[in-house]
Protein backbone atom coordinates (compact mmCIF):
# COMPACT_ATOMS: atom_id res chain seq x y z
CA MET A 1 -15.39 -15.03 -58.76
CA ALA A 2 -17.51 -14.54 -55.63
CA ASP A 3 -15.08 -16.62 -53.56
CA ALA A 4 -12.15 -14.56 -54.83
CA LEU A 5 -13.95 -11.33 -53.99
CA THR A 6 -14.79 -12.61 -50.50
CA MET A 7 -11.16 -13.55 -49.92
CA SER A 8 -9.97 -10.13 -51.11
CA LEU A 9 -12.43 -8.31 -48.83
CA GLY A 10 -11.39 -10.51 -45.92
CA HIS A 11 -7.73 -9.72 -46.56
CA LEU A 12 -8.45 -5.99 -46.70
CA LEU A 13 -10.44 -6.14 -43.47
CA ILE A 14 -7.62 -7.89 -41.61
CA LYS A 15 -5.12 -5.42 -43.01
CA ALA A 16 -7.30 -2.50 -41.90
CA LEU A 17 -7.67 -3.90 -38.40
CA GLY A 18 -3.93 -4.26 -38.13
CA ASP A 19 -3.23 -0.82 -39.57
CA PRO A 20 -0.30 0.91 -37.82
CA ASP A 21 -2.49 3.98 -37.27
CA ASP A 22 -4.95 1.98 -35.15
CA MET A 23 -4.95 0.84 -31.55
CA PHE A 24 -3.75 -2.77 -31.23
CA TRP A 25 -1.99 -2.77 -34.60
CA TRP A 26 0.41 -5.23 -32.95
CA GLU A 27 -2.27 -7.69 -31.81
CA LYS A 28 -3.01 -10.91 -33.71
CA ARG A 29 -6.59 -11.01 -32.46
CA TYR A 30 -7.19 -7.76 -34.39
CA GLY A 31 -5.33 -8.85 -37.50
CA GLY A 32 -2.02 -7.32 -36.47
CA LYS A 33 1.44 -8.73 -35.93
CA LEU A 34 3.87 -8.28 -33.06
CA PRO A 35 7.10 -6.58 -34.18
CA ASP A 36 10.02 -8.94 -34.68
CA PRO A 37 11.70 -9.29 -31.25
CA LYS A 38 15.05 -9.71 -32.99
CA ALA A 39 14.76 -6.34 -34.73
CA ASN A 40 16.80 -3.38 -33.51
CA ARG A 41 13.71 -1.57 -32.24
CA SER A 42 12.27 -3.51 -29.31
CA MET A 43 10.08 -0.73 -27.85
CA ASP A 44 7.84 -0.12 -30.86
CA ILE A 45 4.61 -0.43 -28.87
CA THR A 46 5.78 1.82 -26.02
CA GLU A 47 6.94 4.47 -28.47
CA TRP A 48 3.66 4.26 -30.40
CA ILE A 49 1.63 4.66 -27.20
CA ILE A 50 3.67 7.74 -26.25
CA ASN A 51 3.44 9.29 -29.72
CA ASN A 52 -0.29 8.69 -30.23
CA PRO A 53 -1.99 10.02 -27.09
CA GLN A 54 -5.25 10.94 -28.83
CA ILE A 55 -5.77 7.44 -30.23
CA VAL A 56 -4.93 5.89 -26.86
CA ASP A 57 -7.23 8.28 -24.99
CA ALA A 58 -10.06 7.54 -27.41
CA TYR A 59 -9.71 3.85 -26.55
CA LEU A 60 -9.44 4.42 -22.79
CA ARG A 61 -12.45 6.73 -22.53
CA SER A 62 -16.14 6.45 -23.38
CA ASN A 63 -18.48 9.45 -23.42
CA GLY A 64 -15.77 11.50 -21.74
CA GLN A 65 -15.36 9.07 -18.83
CA PRO A 66 -12.63 6.49 -18.17
CA ARG A 67 -13.60 2.99 -19.22
CA VAL A 68 -13.79 0.58 -16.28
CA VAL A 69 -14.39 -3.15 -15.91
CA ASP A 70 -18.11 -3.89 -16.06
CA TYR A 71 -18.59 -6.73 -13.58
CA PRO A 72 -21.16 -7.22 -10.76
CA LEU A 73 -20.01 -5.96 -7.37
CA GLU A 74 -22.10 -8.37 -5.34
CA ALA A 75 -20.48 -11.28 -3.52
CA ASN A 76 -20.76 -14.92 -4.61
CA VAL A 77 -21.18 -14.19 -8.31
CA PRO A 78 -20.17 -17.51 -9.89
CA ILE A 79 -17.27 -17.41 -12.33
CA PRO A 80 -18.04 -19.57 -15.38
CA GLU A 81 -15.93 -22.65 -16.00
CA TRP A 82 -13.44 -22.36 -18.82
CA ASP A 83 -15.21 -24.93 -21.00
CA GLU A 84 -18.35 -22.80 -20.70
CA VAL A 85 -16.71 -19.69 -22.15
CA GLN A 86 -14.23 -21.20 -24.58
CA ASP A 87 -16.83 -21.96 -27.25
CA SER A 88 -17.88 -18.29 -27.26
CA LEU A 89 -14.38 -17.07 -28.12
CA THR A 90 -13.74 -16.08 -31.72
CA GLY A 91 -10.87 -15.30 -34.05
CA ALA A 92 -7.37 -15.65 -32.62
CA ASP A 93 -8.85 -16.31 -29.15
CA ALA A 94 -10.68 -19.45 -30.24
CA GLY A 95 -8.94 -22.58 -29.06
CA LEU A 96 -6.68 -20.79 -26.57
CA LYS A 97 -5.92 -22.45 -23.26
CA PRO A 98 -6.69 -20.53 -20.05
CA ARG A 99 -2.96 -19.82 -19.54
CA GLU A 100 -2.80 -18.27 -23.00
CA PHE A 101 -6.01 -16.24 -22.75
CA ALA A 102 -5.29 -14.85 -19.27
CA PRO A 103 -1.49 -15.04 -18.86
CA TYR A 104 0.51 -14.23 -15.77
CA SER A 105 3.90 -12.60 -15.32
CA LYS A 106 6.78 -13.61 -13.06
CA THR A 107 8.61 -10.74 -11.41
CA ARG A 108 12.23 -11.11 -10.37
CA LYS A 109 11.75 -9.75 -6.86
CA MET A 110 8.42 -11.21 -5.75
CA PRO A 111 7.51 -14.87 -5.24
CA GLY A 112 4.68 -16.41 -7.21
CA PRO A 113 2.93 -15.29 -10.40
CA SER A 114 1.16 -11.97 -11.00
CA PHE A 115 -2.26 -11.88 -12.66
CA PHE A 116 -4.46 -9.05 -13.98
CA ASP A 117 -1.45 -6.96 -15.07
CA THR A 118 -2.45 -3.94 -17.16
CA PRO A 119 -0.61 -0.92 -18.60
CA PRO A 120 0.08 1.99 -16.21
CA ARG A 121 -0.96 4.31 -19.03
CA ALA A 122 -4.54 3.15 -18.43
CA CYS A 123 -4.63 3.81 -14.66
CA VAL A 124 -7.65 5.95 -13.81
CA TYR A 125 -6.18 7.75 -10.77
CA SER A 126 -2.55 8.26 -11.69
CA THR A 127 0.12 10.79 -10.73
CA PRO A 128 3.20 9.64 -12.66
CA ASN A 129 4.96 13.01 -12.33
CA ASP A 130 4.71 13.10 -8.54
CA PRO A 131 7.83 11.59 -6.89
CA ASN A 132 5.94 11.36 -3.59
CA THR A 133 3.50 8.75 -4.88
CA ALA A 134 3.86 5.14 -5.97
CA CYS A 135 3.09 6.27 -9.53
CA GLY A 136 6.19 8.44 -9.48
CA HIS A 137 8.31 5.35 -8.86
CA CYS A 138 6.43 2.98 -11.17
CA TYR A 139 8.82 0.25 -12.31
CA ALA A 140 6.17 -0.99 -14.77
CA CYS A 141 6.85 2.11 -16.86
CA GLN A 142 10.47 1.23 -17.53
CA GLY A 143 12.96 -1.59 -17.94
CA THR A 144 11.74 -4.84 -19.48
CA TYR A 145 8.11 -3.75 -19.10
CA ALA A 146 8.68 -1.27 -21.93
CA LEU A 147 9.63 -4.01 -24.40
CA ASN A 148 7.22 -5.23 -27.06
CA SER A 149 6.25 -8.62 -25.62
CA PRO A 150 5.35 -7.36 -22.09
CA GLN A 151 3.53 -4.38 -23.59
CA ALA A 152 1.50 -6.61 -25.89
CA ARG A 153 0.60 -8.85 -22.95
CA ILE A 154 -0.57 -6.12 -20.56
CA TRP A 155 -2.52 -4.19 -23.22
CA ASN A 156 -4.16 -7.42 -24.34
CA ASN A 157 -5.07 -8.16 -20.72
CA LEU A 158 -6.69 -4.74 -20.45
CA ASP A 159 -8.65 -5.20 -23.66
CA LYS A 160 -10.04 -8.54 -22.50
CA LEU A 161 -10.89 -7.18 -19.04
CA LEU A 162 -12.80 -4.26 -20.55
CA ASN A 163 -14.59 -6.29 -23.21
CA ASN A 164 -14.94 -9.80 -21.78
CA PRO A 165 -14.29 -9.77 -18.01
CA GLU A 166 -16.16 -13.03 -17.34
CA ALA A 167 -13.96 -14.97 -19.78
CA PHE A 168 -10.79 -13.34 -18.44
CA GLY A 169 -11.78 -14.13 -14.86
CA SER A 170 -12.56 -17.71 -15.86
CA GLY A 171 -9.11 -18.10 -17.40
CA VAL A 172 -7.40 -16.78 -14.26
CA ALA A 173 -9.58 -18.80 -11.87
CA HIS A 174 -8.80 -21.97 -13.83
CA ASN A 175 -5.06 -21.39 -13.85
CA LEU A 176 -4.31 -19.54 -10.60
CA THR A 177 -3.76 -22.38 -8.13
CA PRO A 178 -1.66 -24.65 -10.38
CA SER A 179 0.44 -21.67 -11.49
CA ALA A 180 1.05 -20.55 -7.90
CA MET A 181 1.99 -24.11 -6.94
CA LEU A 182 4.44 -24.47 -9.82
CA GLU A 183 6.09 -21.09 -9.16
CA ARG A 184 7.07 -22.03 -5.60
CA GLY A 185 10.78 -22.27 -4.87
CA SER A 186 10.16 -25.19 -2.54
CA ARG A 187 7.36 -27.71 -2.17
CA LYS A 188 7.04 -26.57 1.45
CA ASP A 189 6.30 -22.97 0.48
CA GLN A 190 2.78 -21.61 0.84
CA PRO A 191 1.56 -20.81 -2.70
CA VAL A 192 1.11 -17.08 -3.23
CA VAL A 193 -0.05 -14.84 -6.03
CA ARG A 194 0.10 -11.13 -6.67
CA PHE A 195 -2.38 -8.99 -8.56
CA LYS A 196 -1.52 -5.92 -10.67
CA ALA A 197 2.27 -6.05 -10.63
CA ALA A 198 1.74 -3.67 -13.54
CA GLY A 199 -1.04 -1.10 -13.61
CA ASP A 200 -3.84 -0.70 -11.09
CA LEU A 201 -7.52 -1.45 -10.65
CA MET A 202 -9.68 -0.54 -13.62
CA GLY A 203 -12.80 0.07 -11.57
CA ALA A 204 -14.63 -1.52 -8.65
CA GLY A 205 -15.76 -4.26 -11.01
CA GLU A 206 -12.21 -5.52 -11.42
CA LEU A 207 -11.79 -5.60 -7.63
CA ALA A 208 -14.96 -7.69 -7.38
CA LEU A 209 -13.68 -10.04 -10.08
CA ILE A 210 -10.32 -10.46 -8.31
CA SER A 211 -12.11 -11.12 -5.01
CA ASN A 212 -14.33 -13.77 -6.58
CA VAL A 213 -11.35 -15.42 -8.26
CA MET A 214 -9.57 -15.67 -4.90
CA GLU A 215 -12.75 -17.02 -3.30
CA GLU A 216 -12.53 -19.92 -5.72
CA ASN A 217 -8.83 -20.51 -5.00
CA PRO A 218 -8.78 -20.80 -1.18
CA SER A 219 -5.42 -22.61 -0.91
CA VAL A 220 -3.47 -19.61 -2.30
CA ASN A 221 -2.65 -16.36 -0.48
CA GLY A 222 -3.11 -13.26 -2.61
CA TRP A 223 -1.82 -9.71 -2.38
CA LEU A 224 -3.20 -6.64 -4.13
CA SER A 225 -1.40 -3.30 -3.87
CA THR A 226 -3.54 -0.39 -5.04
CA ARG A 227 -4.05 3.34 -4.71
CA GLN A 228 -7.48 3.36 -6.38
CA ILE A 229 -9.25 4.30 -3.15
CA PRO A 230 -12.61 5.36 -4.69
CA PHE A 231 -12.96 1.93 -6.30
CA ILE A 232 -12.35 0.19 -2.96
CA GLN A 233 -15.01 2.36 -1.33
CA GLN A 234 -17.50 1.58 -4.12
CA PHE A 235 -16.78 -2.12 -3.75
CA LEU A 236 -17.27 -2.06 0.03
CA ASP A 237 -20.43 0.04 -0.28
CA ALA A 238 -21.88 -2.64 -2.55
CA ARG A 239 -20.95 -5.38 -0.08
CA GLY A 240 -22.10 -3.55 3.04
CA TRP A 241 -18.61 -3.15 4.50
CA GLU A 242 -18.91 -6.67 5.90
CA ASP A 243 -15.77 -8.28 7.29
CA ASP A 244 -16.07 -11.02 4.69
CA ALA A 245 -16.47 -8.61 1.76
CA PHE A 246 -13.04 -9.82 0.69
CA PRO A 247 -12.10 -13.51 0.92
CA GLU A 248 -9.81 -14.30 3.85
CA ASN A 249 -6.93 -15.25 1.55
CA LEU A 250 -6.70 -11.79 -0.04
CA ALA A 251 -4.67 -8.97 1.55
CA VAL A 252 -5.30 -5.47 0.18
CA LYS A 253 -2.53 -2.91 0.71
CA VAL A 254 -3.51 0.70 0.02
CA SER A 255 -0.53 2.68 -1.25
CA LEU A 256 -0.38 6.08 0.45
CA PRO A 257 1.41 9.16 -0.92
CA GLY A 258 5.14 8.78 -0.34
CA LYS A 259 5.98 10.20 3.07
CA SER A 260 2.60 9.64 4.70
CA ASP A 261 2.40 8.81 8.39
CA PHE A 262 0.23 5.76 9.10
CA ASN A 263 -0.86 7.40 12.36
CA ASN A 264 -2.05 10.66 10.80
CA LEU A 265 -4.51 9.61 8.13
CA SER A 266 -7.59 11.42 6.86
CA ARG A 267 -10.91 10.28 8.23
CA PRO A 268 -11.92 8.36 5.05
CA LEU A 269 -8.63 6.48 5.14
CA ARG A 270 -8.99 5.72 8.83
CA GLU A 271 -12.43 4.28 8.14
CA LEU A 272 -11.03 2.26 5.25
CA GLY A 273 -8.26 0.91 7.46
CA LYS A 274 -10.78 -0.49 9.94
CA HIS A 275 -11.66 -3.23 7.47
CA PRO A 276 -9.72 -6.41 8.34
CA ALA A 277 -8.59 -6.95 4.73
CA ILE A 278 -7.05 -3.49 4.31
CA ASP A 279 -3.66 -2.19 5.43
CA PHE A 280 -1.40 0.59 4.18
CA THR A 281 2.01 1.06 2.64
CA ASN A 282 4.16 4.17 2.31
CA TYR A 283 7.49 5.10 0.80
CA ASP A 284 10.67 5.89 2.70
CA ASN A 285 9.14 7.11 5.97
CA VAL A 286 9.63 4.79 8.94
CA VAL A 287 7.03 5.47 11.62
CA GLU A 288 5.50 3.59 14.51
CA GLY A 289 2.94 1.00 13.53
CA ALA A 290 4.69 -0.27 10.41
CA SER A 291 7.35 -2.75 9.47
CA VAL A 292 10.12 -2.09 6.97
CA CYS A 293 10.28 -4.16 3.80
CA PRO A 294 13.56 -6.05 4.32
CA ALA A 295 14.11 -6.38 0.57
CA SER A 296 14.21 -2.56 0.35
CA LEU A 297 16.86 -2.25 3.07
CA PRO A 298 20.20 -1.14 1.57
CA GLY A 299 22.70 -3.98 1.78
CA ASN A 300 20.01 -6.65 1.76
CA PRO A 301 19.17 -8.78 -1.28
CA ALA A 302 16.33 -7.20 -3.26
CA LYS A 303 14.37 -10.46 -3.40
CA CYS A 304 11.69 -11.58 -0.95
CA ASP A 305 12.97 -15.16 -0.85
CA LYS A 306 16.44 -13.96 0.22
CA VAL A 307 15.46 -11.85 3.25
CA ILE A 308 14.10 -12.43 6.76
CA ASP A 309 10.37 -12.06 7.38
CA PRO A 310 9.92 -9.46 10.20
CA LEU A 311 7.05 -11.45 11.76
CA THR A 312 8.20 -15.07 11.51
CA ASN A 313 11.94 -14.30 11.74
CA SER A 314 12.51 -16.89 9.04
CA LEU A 315 13.88 -16.70 5.52
CA LYS A 316 11.49 -15.89 2.67
CA CYS A 317 9.51 -12.80 3.64
CA ARG A 318 5.77 -12.93 2.95
CA ASN A 319 4.72 -9.78 4.80
CA CYS A 320 3.02 -8.22 1.77
CA PHE A 321 0.75 -11.25 1.43
CA ARG A 322 -0.29 -11.00 5.08
CA ARG A 323 -3.18 -9.10 6.61
CA GLY A 324 -2.65 -6.83 9.61
CA SER A 325 0.68 -5.37 8.51
CA ASN A 326 1.44 -1.79 7.44
CA ILE A 327 4.66 -1.68 5.43
CA THR A 328 7.27 0.96 4.61
CA TYR A 329 9.33 0.55 1.45
CA LEU A 330 12.65 2.33 1.77
CA ASP A 331 14.48 3.99 -1.07
CA HIS A 332 16.97 1.20 -1.70
CA ASP A 333 19.72 3.51 -2.96
CA ASN A 334 19.29 6.58 -0.76
CA PRO A 335 16.99 5.96 2.25
CA SER A 336 15.96 8.99 4.27
CA ILE A 337 16.53 7.32 7.67
CA SER A 338 19.69 7.73 9.73
CA ASN A 339 22.47 5.16 10.12
CA GLU A 340 21.37 4.63 13.74
CA GLU A 341 17.81 3.84 12.66
CA MET A 342 19.18 1.59 9.93
CA GLU A 343 21.21 -0.35 12.50
CA ILE A 344 18.13 -0.87 14.69
CA ILE A 345 16.16 -2.19 11.73
CA TRP A 346 19.01 -4.50 10.83
CA GLN A 347 19.07 -5.91 14.36
CA LEU A 348 15.30 -6.43 14.40
CA LEU A 349 15.25 -8.16 11.05
CA ASN A 350 18.18 -10.41 11.85
CA ARG A 351 17.47 -11.26 15.47
CA GLY A 352 18.11 -14.88 16.27
CA GLN A 353 19.99 -15.49 13.03
């Protein structure tokens, strides 16, 4: 009788955790179940997030403040080995491999895998209704990202980062180099990895975790695009603004408001740009001191591996993964530059070909 009662209570608890009125009703680790991908409705999670803002906000905030990743900002904090954290995992997480616990995505445009993807809905500093910011052109808010499986993955990533950042970092650190190697188009390619193809930094602690992960994967070049400027400043304050605050294999690109001029920045941004790891990107405003993303040039293929790198003049552009390069991303369909300027850019990008 006692065993039957225990089983009944356990069943009720799992059912309650997976209740459709609760956050993560779709997640196995909370007793939920992902909607059938073959069903007619493939955006159940996205629609639920949109229609339940109070529940989502309650999860994303604590004591009236946005929840951020709680991880030490100091340098050289060792990331635990996977076998050290695996035994501490419980429920549906127990027994998972690093690739399963901290998965990566593969974007169609960019080379290499992307780690630490999180939902744009959780971004702390976000301006999704402003067409002059990166948020206003966020591709992670539409297309395949809105489908159930990608939504489940990025929300699950966020939940693990907020609740168990050491284990999440361990999973990524364990899997980053082999994943980057396997995702190369050619064995001769330098392995690369992107961070936050979806979402943005959830606090200075996440930036520290990413930096430490890259420190432990020195053979891979990493790129982080972010507009979470206060978190970068907090991170650098904690590390004394030293040149080696970031590992040498990590390039940080700060996304400026759309039409910003790289040569007319505010004083805080100018100070930020003095750090060797930090450069800037803008949208659809070609100015001196920046190169144009060739994959954004109308008429060019929209894939990095199919266009000419403006520095090396060779196929397979890797400018985003490189330090010391400010980059302009043109509007691929309706760029604001003239035909004459377009012709000059074409000649520069295709010289010697």
